[in-house]
Amino acid sequence: MTATPRSRRLRTLAAALVTTAALSLTACQTGTADATGAVDSTQSPAPAAEAGTPAAEAEQEEAAPGKEAEKEAGAPGKEATQVADRKAATKTTSCTAKGTKVTVTDAPRPINHLLIKATNTSDTTCHLYYAPYLRFDQAQSAVPFIEESKPQAVVTLAPGESGYAGVLTSTPDGSHPYDATSLTLYYAARSGQGSTGAPSHPALPFDSVRVDSSNAVTYWQTSAADALMW
């Protein structure tokens, strides 16, 4: 039987509908976007980045700031401890009777001189400021300083080191001589106003020492030779 034009048009339309339906079904299964831009919710999730790939390295870099922040948070405390340790190691103070040993010896030259030696017996560096305040017996005032003996810098004693001061006891031109039997030594304060700490009572080299109005003491020196120059 011969097909009519009408039957041919119907067959063509049916074939087109079947093709359209097949394309729509394929789009739904593959999760492609439709005309409105919506994506099928049945689409499989994106696979995780494999180790060693650029994506994995990017994820590690994003997590890194947290670790760096933890390191930085702990750094200040460590630095503070290190600073405190350095300060403790370089700490200095005024020399006092508690941390020193004082001896007094007779100087063969020049005549009528005593040599005072102060040794740092502590474990901390200390400073010998100005000159020692000396009192023989019950004298009302301290022995005058010899201003010409003032050094360019303060004498600093590391543990075990010693500083020196020379004492002129008398001269032929002196007046009001007497025989002293004891000596009291005070360390000068850093401010130069008065003394610091308890006094020291070093023994004299003889039972008594002749002292008169010319009695004077040098500033602290780093060597015995410098202390006996005046």
Protein backbone atom coordinates (compact mmCIF):
# COMPACT_ATOMS: atom_id res chain seq x y z
CA MET A 1 0.00 0.00 0.00
CA THR A 2 1.34 3.44 -0.93
CA ALA A 3 1.85 5.95 2.00
CA THR A 4 0.01 9.20 1.74
CA PRO A 5 1.65 12.60 2.44
CA ARG A 6 -0.30 12.87 5.71
CA SER A 7 0.99 9.52 7.00
CA ARG A 8 4.57 10.48 6.15
CA ARG A 9 4.29 13.71 8.18
CA LEU A 10 2.96 11.79 11.20
CA ARG A 11 5.82 9.32 11.05
CA THR A 12 8.41 12.13 10.87
CA LEU A 13 6.91 13.92 13.90
CA ALA A 14 6.89 10.69 15.94
CA ALA A 15 10.56 10.07 15.18
CA ALA A 16 11.45 13.60 16.30
CA LEU A 17 9.61 13.15 19.60
CA VAL A 18 11.45 9.90 20.32
CA THR A 19 14.82 11.56 19.65
CA THR A 20 14.01 14.50 21.95
CA ALA A 21 12.96 12.19 24.77
CA ALA A 22 16.18 10.18 24.45
CA LEU A 23 18.36 13.35 24.64
CA SER A 24 16.53 14.60 27.75
CA LEU A 25 17.03 11.29 29.54
CA THR A 26 20.76 11.32 28.75
CA ALA A 27 21.16 14.87 30.13
CA CYS A 28 19.49 13.91 33.44
CA GLN A 29 21.72 10.89 33.91
CA THR A 30 24.99 12.79 33.28
CA GLY A 31 24.09 15.70 35.62
CA THR A 32 24.47 18.42 33.01
CA ALA A 33 22.95 21.84 33.53
CA ASP A 34 19.57 22.67 31.93
CA ALA A 35 18.65 25.90 30.25
CA THR A 36 18.20 27.67 33.60
CA GLY A 37 21.73 26.76 34.75
CA ALA A 38 20.54 24.28 37.46
CA VAL A 39 22.64 21.14 38.02
CA ASP A 40 21.25 17.70 38.80
CA SER A 41 21.62 16.89 42.54
CA THR A 42 22.50 13.30 41.68
CA GLN A 43 25.89 14.44 40.38
CA SER A 44 28.78 12.64 42.11
CA PRO A 45 30.92 14.75 44.57
CA ALA A 46 34.32 16.03 43.40
CA PRO A 47 37.15 13.60 44.26
CA ALA A 48 39.64 14.63 47.01
CA ALA A 49 42.97 16.08 45.85
CA GLU A 50 45.71 13.50 45.66
CA ALA A 51 48.87 13.98 47.76
CA GLY A 52 51.67 15.74 45.92
CA THR A 53 49.37 17.50 43.49
CA PRO A 54 49.13 21.33 43.30
CA ALA A 55 45.65 21.16 44.86
CA ALA A 56 46.94 19.16 47.86
CA GLU A 57 49.81 21.60 48.34
CA ALA A 58 47.37 24.53 48.30
CA GLU A 59 45.30 22.85 51.04
CA GLN A 60 48.41 22.38 53.17
CA GLU A 61 49.37 26.05 52.75
CA GLU A 62 45.91 27.12 53.92
CA ALA A 63 46.34 25.06 57.11
CA ALA A 64 49.91 26.36 57.69
CA PRO A 65 48.97 29.80 59.20
CA GLY A 66 47.44 28.08 62.21
CA LYS A 67 50.66 26.20 62.93
CA GLU A 68 52.74 29.34 62.43
CA ALA A 69 50.49 31.22 64.86
CA GLU A 70 51.07 28.51 67.46
CA LYS A 71 54.84 28.86 67.06
CA GLU A 72 54.65 32.66 67.30
CA ALA A 73 52.43 32.47 70.37
CA GLY A 74 55.10 30.46 72.20
CA ALA A 75 58.02 32.62 71.03
CA PRO A 76 57.54 35.67 73.37
CA GLY A 77 57.72 33.53 76.49
CA LYS A 78 60.94 31.88 75.32
CA GLU A 79 62.50 35.23 74.44
CA ALA A 80 61.56 36.68 77.83
CA THR A 81 63.29 33.77 79.56
CA GLN A 82 66.43 34.22 77.49
CA VAL A 83 66.52 37.96 78.25
CA ALA A 84 66.09 37.29 81.97
CA ASP A 85 68.95 34.78 81.86
CA ARG A 86 71.22 37.29 80.13
CA LYS A 87 70.39 39.98 82.66
CA ALA A 88 71.04 37.63 85.54
CA ALA A 89 74.41 36.71 84.05
CA THR A 90 75.44 40.40 83.66
CA LYS A 91 73.91 41.71 86.89
CA THR A 92 76.16 44.06 88.90
CA THR A 93 75.81 45.69 92.29
CA SER A 94 77.71 47.80 94.81
CA CYS A 95 80.42 46.01 96.74
CA THR A 96 79.51 45.50 100.39
CA ALA A 97 81.12 43.98 103.46
CA LYS A 98 78.93 40.89 103.06
CA GLY A 99 80.40 40.03 99.66
CA THR A 100 84.02 41.07 100.17
CA LYS A 101 87.07 40.31 102.28
CA VAL A 102 89.09 43.32 103.45
CA THR A 103 92.71 43.18 104.57
CA VAL A 104 95.06 45.97 105.73
CA THR A 105 98.83 45.67 105.39
CA ASP A 106 101.78 47.93 106.09
CA ALA A 107 103.32 49.39 102.94
CA PRO A 108 107.15 49.44 103.01
CA ARG A 109 107.12 52.35 100.55
CA PRO A 110 106.19 55.09 100.81
CA ILE A 111 106.60 55.33 104.57
CA ASN A 112 103.62 55.92 106.85
CA HIS A 113 101.24 54.23 104.43
CA LEU A 114 98.77 51.38 104.77
CA LEU A 115 97.39 49.34 101.86
CA ILE A 116 93.74 48.31 101.91
CA LYS A 117 92.75 45.36 99.72
CA ALA A 118 89.10 44.45 99.06
CA THR A 119 88.47 41.10 97.35
CA ASN A 120 85.12 40.13 95.86
CA THR A 121 84.12 36.85 97.52
CA SER A 122 80.61 36.73 96.04
CA ASP A 123 79.46 35.19 92.74
CA THR A 124 78.30 38.55 91.39
CA THR A 125 80.31 41.37 89.84
CA CYS A 126 80.38 44.46 92.05
CA HIS A 127 81.55 48.09 91.88
CA LEU A 128 83.83 49.94 94.29
CA TYR A 129 82.44 53.47 94.19
CA TYR A 130 84.56 56.51 95.09
CA ALA A 131 86.80 55.81 98.09
CA PRO A 132 86.33 53.85 101.30
CA TYR A 133 84.94 55.73 104.29
CA LEU A 134 87.44 55.10 107.08
CA ARG A 135 87.25 55.77 110.81
CA PHE A 136 90.14 55.10 113.15
CA ASP A 137 88.98 54.31 116.66
CA GLN A 138 86.07 56.58 117.56
CA ALA A 139 86.92 59.49 115.22
CA GLN A 140 84.09 61.96 114.71
CA SER A 141 84.58 62.21 110.95
CA ALA A 142 85.74 59.97 108.13
CA VAL A 143 89.28 60.15 106.74
CA PRO A 144 89.44 62.74 103.90
CA PHE A 145 89.71 61.57 100.27
CA ILE A 146 92.75 62.40 98.14
CA GLU A 147 90.92 63.99 95.19
CA GLU A 148 93.95 63.82 92.91
CA SER A 149 93.73 60.02 93.04
CA LYS A 150 90.27 59.83 91.45
CA PRO A 151 90.41 57.25 88.59
CA GLN A 152 88.83 57.74 85.17
CA ALA A 153 86.39 54.88 85.72
CA VAL A 154 84.72 53.08 88.59
CA VAL A 155 86.66 50.04 89.78
CA THR A 156 84.70 46.89 88.91
CA LEU A 157 85.41 43.57 90.58
CA ALA A 158 84.46 40.26 89.02
CA PRO A 159 84.23 37.36 91.49
CA GLY A 160 87.72 36.76 92.91
CA GLU A 161 89.17 40.10 91.81
CA SER A 162 90.51 42.80 94.16
CA GLY A 163 90.56 46.59 94.43
CA TYR A 164 93.01 48.73 96.42
CA ALA A 165 93.18 51.97 98.37
CA GLY A 166 96.22 53.63 99.94
CA VAL A 167 96.11 55.32 103.35
CA LEU A 168 98.49 58.06 104.40
CA THR A 169 98.59 57.78 108.19
CA SER A 170 100.83 60.67 109.21
CA THR A 171 103.49 63.19 108.13
CA PRO A 172 106.14 65.22 109.96
CA ASP A 173 103.95 68.30 109.47
CA GLY A 174 100.81 66.74 110.87
CA SER A 175 99.20 67.77 114.12
CA HIS A 176 97.20 66.07 116.88
CA PRO A 177 98.87 62.67 116.57
CA TYR A 178 97.47 59.63 118.38
CA ASP A 179 97.85 55.85 118.27
CA ALA A 180 94.81 54.17 116.72
CA THR A 181 94.04 50.56 117.59
CA SER A 182 91.03 49.84 115.35
CA LEU A 183 89.67 50.65 111.90
CA THR A 184 86.16 50.68 110.52
CA LEU A 185 85.53 50.70 106.75
CA TYR A 186 82.29 51.65 104.99
CA TYR A 187 81.64 51.24 101.27
CA ALA A 188 80.46 54.38 99.48
CA ALA A 189 77.00 54.35 97.90
CA ARG A 190 76.67 54.74 94.16
CA SER A 191 74.98 58.11 94.63
CA GLY A 192 77.98 59.41 96.53
CA GLN A 193 75.74 60.24 99.46
CA GLY A 194 76.73 58.17 102.48
CA SER A 195 77.57 54.48 102.64
CA THR A 196 75.89 51.22 101.67
CA GLY A 197 75.59 48.01 103.65
CA ALA A 198 77.10 47.10 106.99
CA PRO A 199 80.64 48.23 107.89
CA SER A 200 83.74 46.07 107.77
CA HIS A 201 86.23 45.88 110.66
CA PRO A 202 89.59 44.78 109.20
CA ALA A 203 92.46 44.15 111.59
CA LEU A 204 95.38 46.60 111.60
CA PRO A 205 98.88 45.24 110.79
CA PHE A 206 100.15 46.33 114.22
CA ASP A 207 98.73 46.71 117.68
CA SER A 208 98.48 50.43 116.97
CA VAL A 209 99.07 52.87 114.11
CA ARG A 210 100.19 56.48 114.52
CA VAL A 211 97.62 58.80 112.94
CA ASP A 212 97.56 62.62 112.75
CA SER A 213 95.75 65.47 110.96
CA SER A 214 97.42 64.67 107.62
CA ASN A 215 95.63 61.29 107.50
CA ALA A 216 94.02 60.71 104.05
CA VAL A 217 92.86 57.87 101.76
CA THR A 218 92.91 57.41 97.98
CA TYR A 219 90.00 56.48 95.74
CA TRP A 220 89.69 52.80 94.93
CA GLN A 221 92.28 51.66 92.36
CA THR A 222 92.74 48.56 90.23
CA SER A 223 96.31 47.93 91.43
CA ALA A 224 98.33 48.26 94.62
CA ALA A 225 100.93 50.35 92.78
CA ASP A 226 98.34 52.96 91.80
CA ALA A 227 96.95 53.04 95.34
CA LEU A 228 100.38 53.86 96.81
CA MET A 229 101.28 56.71 94.45
CA TRP A 230 100.00 59.37 96.85
